[in-house]
PDB file of N, CA and C in Angstrom:
ATOM      1  N   GLY A   1      18.888  -8.740 -10.549  1.00  0.00           N
ATOM      2  CA  GLY A   1      20.013  -8.073 -11.044  1.00  0.00           C
ATOM      3  C   GLY A   1      19.727  -6.925 -11.989  1.00  0.00           C
ATOM      4  N   GLU A   2      18.658  -6.225 -11.807  1.00  0.00           N
ATOM      5  CA  GLU A   2      18.386  -5.061 -12.653  1.00  0.00           C
ATOM      6  C   GLU A   2      19.145  -3.843 -12.147  1.00  0.00           C
ATOM      7  N   LYS A   3      19.497  -2.963 -13.089  1.00  0.00           N
ATOM      8  CA  LYS A   3      20.134  -1.719 -12.711  1.00  0.00           C
ATOM      9  C   LYS A   3      19.079  -0.775 -12.136  1.00  0.00           C
ATOM     10  N   PRO A   4      19.433   0.005 -11.116  1.00  0.00           N
ATOM     11  CA  PRO A   4      18.483   0.964 -10.551  1.00  0.00           C
ATOM     12  C   PRO A   4      18.013   1.972 -11.602  1.00  0.00           C
ATOM     13  N   ILE A   5      16.763   2.376 -11.485  1.00  0.00           N
ATOM     14  CA  ILE A   5      16.205   3.406 -12.355  1.00  0.00           C
ATOM     15  C   ILE A   5      16.272   4.717 -11.590  1.00  0.00           C
ATOM     16  N   GLU A   6      16.890   5.694 -12.192  1.00  0.00           N
ATOM     17  CA  GLU A   6      17.065   6.982 -11.534  1.00  0.00           C
ATOM     18  C   GLU A   6      15.718   7.544 -11.081  1.00  0.00           C
ATOM     19  N   GLY A   7      15.650   7.949  -9.822  1.00  0.00           N
ATOM     20  CA  GLY A   7      14.438   8.551  -9.273  1.00  0.00           C
ATOM     21  C   GLY A   7      13.411   7.562  -8.776  1.00  0.00           C
ATOM     22  N   VAL A   8      13.625   6.273  -9.015  1.00  0.00           N
ATOM     23  CA  VAL A   8      12.675   5.262  -8.561  1.00  0.00           C
ATOM     24  C   VAL A   8      13.245   4.604  -7.306  1.00  0.00           C
ATOM     25  N   THR A   9      12.518   4.752  -6.208  1.00  0.00           N
ATOM     26  CA  THR A   9      12.949   4.160  -4.942  1.00  0.00           C
ATOM     27  C   THR A   9      11.764   3.473  -4.286  1.00  0.00           C
ATOM     28  N   GLY A  10      12.041   2.634  -3.327  1.00  0.00           N
ATOM     29  CA  GLY A  10      10.977   1.999  -2.565  1.00  0.00           C
ATOM     30  C   GLY A  10      10.122   3.021  -1.849  1.00  0.00           C
ATOM     31  N   GLU A  11      10.755   4.038  -1.330  1.00  0.00           N
ATOM     32  CA  GLU A  11      10.023   5.089  -0.626  1.00  0.00           C
ATOM     33  C   GLU A  11       9.082   5.823  -1.582  1.00  0.00           C
ATOM     34  N   ASN A  12       9.570   6.155  -2.781  1.00  0.00           N
ATOM     35  CA  ASN A  12       8.708   6.826  -3.765  1.00  0.00           C
ATOM     36  C   ASN A  12       7.543   5.933  -4.179  1.00  0.00           C
ATOM     37  N   LEU A  13       7.799   4.642  -4.327  1.00  0.00           N
ATOM     38  CA  LEU A  13       6.731   3.703  -4.677  1.00  0.00           C
ATOM     39  C   LEU A  13       5.660   3.683  -3.593  1.00  0.00           C
ATOM     40  N   ALA A  14       6.071   3.594  -2.343  1.00  0.00           N
ATOM     41  CA  ALA A  14       5.118   3.581  -1.235  1.00  0.00           C
ATOM     42  C   ALA A  14       4.280   4.859  -1.210  1.00  0.00           C
ATOM     43  N   LEU A  15       4.908   5.987  -1.491  1.00  0.00           N
ATOM     44  CA  LEU A  15       4.181   7.257  -1.516  1.00  0.00           C
ATOM     45  C   LEU A  15       3.185   7.327  -2.669  1.00  0.00           C
ATOM     46  N   ALA A  16       3.496   6.664  -3.772  1.00  0.00           N
ATOM     47  CA  ALA A  16       2.640   6.710  -4.959  1.00  0.00           C
ATOM     48  C   ALA A  16       1.429   5.783  -4.850  1.00  0.00           C
ATOM     49  N   ILE A  17       1.487   4.783  -3.984  1.00  0.00           N
ATOM     50  CA  ILE A  17       0.375   3.839  -3.839  1.00  0.00           C
ATOM     51  C   ILE A  17      -0.743   4.533  -3.083  1.00  0.00           C
ATOM     52  N   LYS A  18      -1.901   4.548  -3.679  1.00  0.00           N
ATOM     53  CA  LYS A  18      -3.053   5.271  -3.114  1.00  0.00           C
ATOM     54  C   LYS A  18      -3.853   4.371  -2.180  1.00  0.00           C
ATOM     55  N   HIS A  19      -3.283   4.088  -1.043  1.00  0.00           N
ATOM     56  CA  HIS A  19      -3.967   3.294  -0.025  1.00  0.00           C
ATOM     57  C   HIS A  19      -3.521   3.806   1.334  1.00  0.00           C
ATOM     58  N   THR A  20      -4.413   3.812   2.274  1.00  0.00           N
ATOM     59  CA  THR A  20      -4.106   4.388   3.582  1.00  0.00           C
ATOM     60  C   THR A  20      -3.182   3.525   4.435  1.00  0.00           C
ATOM     61  N   ARG A  21      -3.031   2.268   4.104  1.00  0.00           N
ATOM     62  CA  ARG A  21      -2.227   1.387   4.939  1.00  0.00           C
ATOM     63  C   ARG A  21      -0.961   0.913   4.247  1.00  0.00           C
ATOM     64  N   VAL A  22      -0.290   1.790   3.581  1.00  0.00           N
ATOM     65  CA  VAL A  22       0.985   1.473   2.946  1.00  0.00           C
ATOM     66  C   VAL A  22       2.086   2.106   3.770  1.00  0.00           C
ATOM     67  N   SER A  23       3.104   1.329   4.063  1.00  0.00           N
ATOM     68  CA  SER A  23       4.228   1.838   4.844  1.00  0.00           C
ATOM     69  C   SER A  23       5.527   1.492   4.140  1.00  0.00           C
ATOM     70  N   TYR A  24       6.469   2.388   4.240  1.00  0.00           N
ATOM     71  CA  TYR A  24       7.801   2.145   3.712  1.00  0.00           C
ATOM     72  C   TYR A  24       8.744   1.938   4.894  1.00  0.00           C
ATOM     73  N   VAL A  25       9.536   0.886   4.810  1.00  0.00           N
ATOM     74  CA  VAL A  25      10.549   0.616   5.835  1.00  0.00           C
ATOM     75  C   VAL A  25      11.865   0.395   5.111  1.00  0.00           C
ATOM     76  N   SER A  26      12.870   1.151   5.476  1.00  0.00           N
ATOM     77  CA  SER A  26      14.146   1.072   4.767  1.00  0.00           C
ATOM     78  C   SER A  26      15.000  -0.116   5.191  1.00  0.00           C
ATOM     79  N   ASP A  27      14.731  -0.672   6.353  1.00  0.00           N
ATOM     80  CA  ASP A  27      15.554  -1.754   6.881  1.00  0.00           C
ATOM     81  C   ASP A  27      14.646  -2.908   7.299  1.00  0.00           C
ATOM     82  N   LEU A  28      14.834  -4.073   6.703  1.00  0.00           N
ATOM     83  CA  LEU A  28      13.978  -5.216   7.021  1.00  0.00           C
ATOM     84  C   LEU A  28      14.000  -5.585   8.499  1.00  0.00           C
ATOM     85  N   LYS A  29      15.121  -5.324   9.160  1.00  0.00           N
ATOM     86  CA  LYS A  29      15.213  -5.638  10.586  1.00  0.00           C
ATOM     87  C   LYS A  29      14.188  -4.850  11.392  1.00  0.00           C
ATOM     88  N   ASN A  30      13.803  -3.678  10.878  1.00  0.00           N
ATOM     89  CA  ASN A  30      12.844  -2.826  11.591  1.00  0.00           C
ATOM     90  C   ASN A  30      11.418  -2.961  11.061  1.00  0.00           C
ATOM     91  N   ALA A  31      11.175  -3.921  10.193  1.00  0.00           N
ATOM     92  CA  ALA A  31       9.859  -4.048   9.566  1.00  0.00           C
ATOM     93  C   ALA A  31       8.915  -4.969  10.326  1.00  0.00           C
ATOM     94  N   VAL A  32       9.417  -6.019  10.898  1.00  0.00           N
ATOM     95  CA  VAL A  32       8.558  -7.077  11.423  1.00  0.00           C
ATOM     96  C   VAL A  32       7.725  -6.647  12.626  1.00  0.00           C
ATOM     97  N   ALA A  33       8.335  -6.141  13.666  1.00  0.00           N
ATOM     98  CA  ALA A  33       7.598  -5.820  14.890  1.00  0.00           C
ATOM     99  C   ALA A  33       6.485  -4.794  14.664  1.00  0.00           C
ATOM    100  N   PRO A  34       6.747  -3.659  14.009  1.00  0.00           N
ATOM    101  CA  PRO A  34       5.659  -2.700  13.800  1.00  0.00           C
ATOM    102  C   PRO A  34       4.534  -3.263  12.934  1.00  0.00           C
ATOM    103  N   LEU A  35       4.890  -4.030  11.926  1.00  0.00           N
ATOM    104  CA  LEU A  35       3.868  -4.604  11.057  1.00  0.00           C
ATOM    105  C   LEU A  35       3.055  -5.654  11.796  1.00  0.00           C
ATOM    106  N   ALA A  36       3.707  -6.553  12.483  1.00  0.00           N
ATOM    107  CA  ALA A  36       3.003  -7.616  13.201  1.00  0.00           C
ATOM    108  C   ALA A  36       2.041  -7.044  14.239  1.00  0.00           C
ATOM    109  N   SER A  37       2.403  -5.946  14.856  1.00  0.00           N
ATOM    110  CA  SER A  37       1.543  -5.358  15.889  1.00  0.00           C
ATOM    111  C   SER A  37       0.272  -4.747  15.302  1.00  0.00           C
ATOM    112  N   LYS A  38       0.267  -4.452  14.004  1.00  0.00           N
ATOM    113  CA  LYS A  38      -0.905  -3.842  13.358  1.00  0.00           C
ATOM    114  C   LYS A  38      -1.822  -4.862  12.701  1.00  0.00           C
ATOM    115  N   LEU A  39      -1.365  -6.094  12.533  1.00  0.00           N
ATOM    116  CA  LEU A  39      -2.141  -7.090  11.799  1.00  0.00           C
ATOM    117  C   LEU A  39      -3.305  -7.634  12.614  1.00  0.00           C
ATOM    118  N   ARG A  40      -4.401  -7.880  11.913  1.00  0.00           N
ATOM    119  CA  ARG A  40      -5.598  -8.472  12.507  1.00  0.00           C
ATOM    120  C   ARG A  40      -6.004  -9.660  11.647  1.00  0.00           C
ATOM    121  N   ALA A  41      -6.822 -10.536  12.187  1.00  0.00           N
ATOM    122  CA  ALA A  41      -7.290 -11.705  11.444  1.00  0.00           C
ATOM    123  C   ALA A  41      -7.896 -11.268  10.114  1.00  0.00           C
ATOM    124  N   GLY A  42      -7.510 -11.936   9.046  1.00  0.00           N
ATOM    125  CA  GLY A  42      -8.031 -11.633   7.724  1.00  0.00           C
ATOM    126  C   GLY A  42      -7.214 -10.623   6.932  1.00  0.00           C
ATOM    127  N   ASP A  43      -6.219  -9.988   7.557  1.00  0.00           N
ATOM    128  CA  ASP A  43      -5.380  -9.026   6.859  1.00  0.00           C
ATOM    129  C   ASP A  43      -4.489  -9.738   5.833  1.00  0.00           C
ATOM    130  N   VAL A  44      -4.108  -9.013   4.813  1.00  0.00           N
ATOM    131  CA  VAL A  44      -3.197  -9.504   3.793  1.00  0.00           C
ATOM    132  C   VAL A  44      -1.972  -8.603   3.787  1.00  0.00           C
ATOM    133  N   VAL A  45      -0.802  -9.195   3.753  1.00  0.00           N
ATOM    134  CA  VAL A  45       0.446  -8.443   3.707  1.00  0.00           C
ATOM    135  C   VAL A  45       1.105  -8.705   2.359  1.00  0.00           C
ATOM    136  N   VAL A  46       1.480  -7.636   1.684  1.00  0.00           N
ATOM    137  CA  VAL A  46       2.184  -7.734   0.411  1.00  0.00           C
ATOM    138  C   VAL A  46       3.548  -7.089   0.603  1.00  0.00           C
ATOM    139  N   THR A  47       4.587  -7.820   0.293  1.00  0.00           N
ATOM    140  CA  THR A  47       5.928  -7.257   0.365  1.00  0.00           C
ATOM    141  C   THR A  47       6.463  -7.120  -1.048  1.00  0.00           C
ATOM    142  N   ILE A  48       7.116  -6.014  -1.310  1.00  0.00           N
ATOM    143  CA  ILE A  48       7.693  -5.761  -2.620  1.00  0.00           C
ATOM    144  C   ILE A  48       9.162  -5.446  -2.414  1.00  0.00           C
ATOM    145  N   GLY A  49       9.990  -6.135  -3.119  1.00  0.00           N
ATOM    146  CA  GLY A  49      11.410  -5.868  -2.981  1.00  0.00           C
ATOM    147  C   GLY A  49      12.227  -6.954  -3.640  1.00  0.00           C
ATOM    148  N   ALA A  50      13.467  -6.974  -3.321  1.00  0.00           N
ATOM    149  CA  ALA A  50      14.379  -7.953  -3.895  1.00  0.00           C
ATOM    150  C   ALA A  50      15.231  -8.546  -2.788  1.00  0.00           C
ATOM    151  N   GLY A  51      15.989  -9.527  -3.151  1.00  0.00           N
ATOM    152  CA  GLY A  51      16.891 -10.129  -2.173  1.00  0.00           C
ATOM    153  C   GLY A  51      16.127 -10.890  -1.110  1.00  0.00           C
ATOM    154  N   ASN A  52      16.306 -10.521   0.125  1.00  0.00           N
ATOM    155  CA  ASN A  52      15.742 -11.278   1.248  1.00  0.00           C
ATOM    156  C   ASN A  52      14.401 -10.721   1.748  1.00  0.00           C
ATOM    157  N   VAL A  53      13.673  -9.982   0.927  1.00  0.00           N
ATOM    158  CA  VAL A  53      12.395  -9.424   1.372  1.00  0.00           C
ATOM    159  C   VAL A  53      11.409 -10.535   1.751  1.00  0.00           C
ATOM    160  N   GLY A  54      11.540 -11.702   1.148  1.00  0.00           N
ATOM    161  CA  GLY A  54      10.678 -12.830   1.501  1.00  0.00           C
ATOM    162  C   GLY A  54      10.836 -13.268   2.941  1.00  0.00           C
ATOM    163  N   GLN A  55      11.942 -12.943   3.541  1.00  0.00           N
ATOM    164  CA  GLN A  55      12.189 -13.291   4.944  1.00  0.00           C
ATOM    165  C   GLN A  55      11.210 -12.587   5.873  1.00  0.00           C
ATOM    166  N   VAL A  56      10.701 -11.426   5.459  1.00  0.00           N
ATOM    167  CA  VAL A  56       9.758 -10.670   6.286  1.00  0.00           C
ATOM    168  C   VAL A  56       8.523 -11.520   6.592  1.00  0.00           C
ATOM    169  N   ALA A  57       7.970 -12.177   5.583  1.00  0.00           N
ATOM    170  CA  ALA A  57       6.779 -13.006   5.790  1.00  0.00           C
ATOM    171  C   ALA A  57       7.060 -14.124   6.790  1.00  0.00           C
ATOM    172  N   LYS A  58       8.210 -14.758   6.675  1.00  0.00           N
ATOM    173  CA  LYS A  58       8.573 -15.826   7.609  1.00  0.00           C
ATOM    174  C   LYS A  58       8.697 -15.296   9.036  1.00  0.00           C
ATOM    175  N   GLU A  59       9.314 -14.130   9.181  1.00  0.00           N
ATOM    176  CA  GLU A  59       9.495 -13.539  10.509  1.00  0.00           C
ATOM    177  C   GLU A  59       8.158 -13.095  11.111  1.00  0.00           C
ATOM    178  N   ILE A  60       7.260 -12.556  10.272  1.00  0.00           N
ATOM    179  CA  ILE A  60       5.942 -12.170  10.760  1.00  0.00           C
ATOM    180  C   ILE A  60       5.184 -13.388  11.259  1.00  0.00           C
ATOM    181  N   ALA A  61       5.218 -14.477  10.476  1.00  0.00           N
ATOM    182  CA  ALA A  61       4.533 -15.706  10.882  1.00  0.00           C
ATOM    183  C   ALA A  61       5.107 -16.230  12.199  1.00  0.00           C
ATOM    184  N   LYS A  62       6.413 -16.160  12.341  1.00  0.00           N
ATOM    185  CA  LYS A  62       7.060 -16.613  13.581  1.00  0.00           C
ATOM    186  C   LYS A  62       6.619 -15.730  14.755  1.00  0.00           C
ATOM    187  N   THR A  63       6.592 -14.430  14.524  1.00  0.00           N
ATOM    188  CA  THR A  63       6.207 -13.483  15.575  1.00  0.00           C
ATOM    189  C   THR A  63       4.759 -13.697  16.022  1.00  0.00           C
ATOM    190  N   LEU A  64       3.898 -14.013  15.062  1.00  0.00           N
ATOM    191  CA  LEU A  64       2.477 -14.213  15.368  1.00  0.00           C
ATOM    192  C   LEU A  64       2.178 -15.635  15.830  1.00  0.00           C
ATOM    193  N   GLY A  65       3.188 -16.479  15.826  1.00  0.00           N
ATOM    194  CA  GLY A  65       2.993 -17.850  16.294  1.00  0.00           C
ATOM    195  C   GLY A  65       2.330 -18.748  15.274  1.00  0.00           C
ATOM    196  N   ALA A  66       2.427 -18.397  13.996  1.00  0.00           N
ATOM    197  CA  ALA A  66       1.797 -19.214  12.951  1.00  0.00           C
ATOM    198  C   ALA A  66       2.720 -20.332  12.522  1.00  0.00           C
TER     199      ALA A  66
END
């Protein structure tokens, strides 16, 4: 329940992270398939967000058959 900080967005955060494999997705419904297709054994996925962002991990595991 924090108030938004002017100028701070998920997209800006993703752009500021200095790593080649950071992606910003505005809609969780569109996050799972592209991410799951890029994952390889030993990869680590970090999700940052609020609300139902934790659902992404569950959906990825389901998609990968885990």
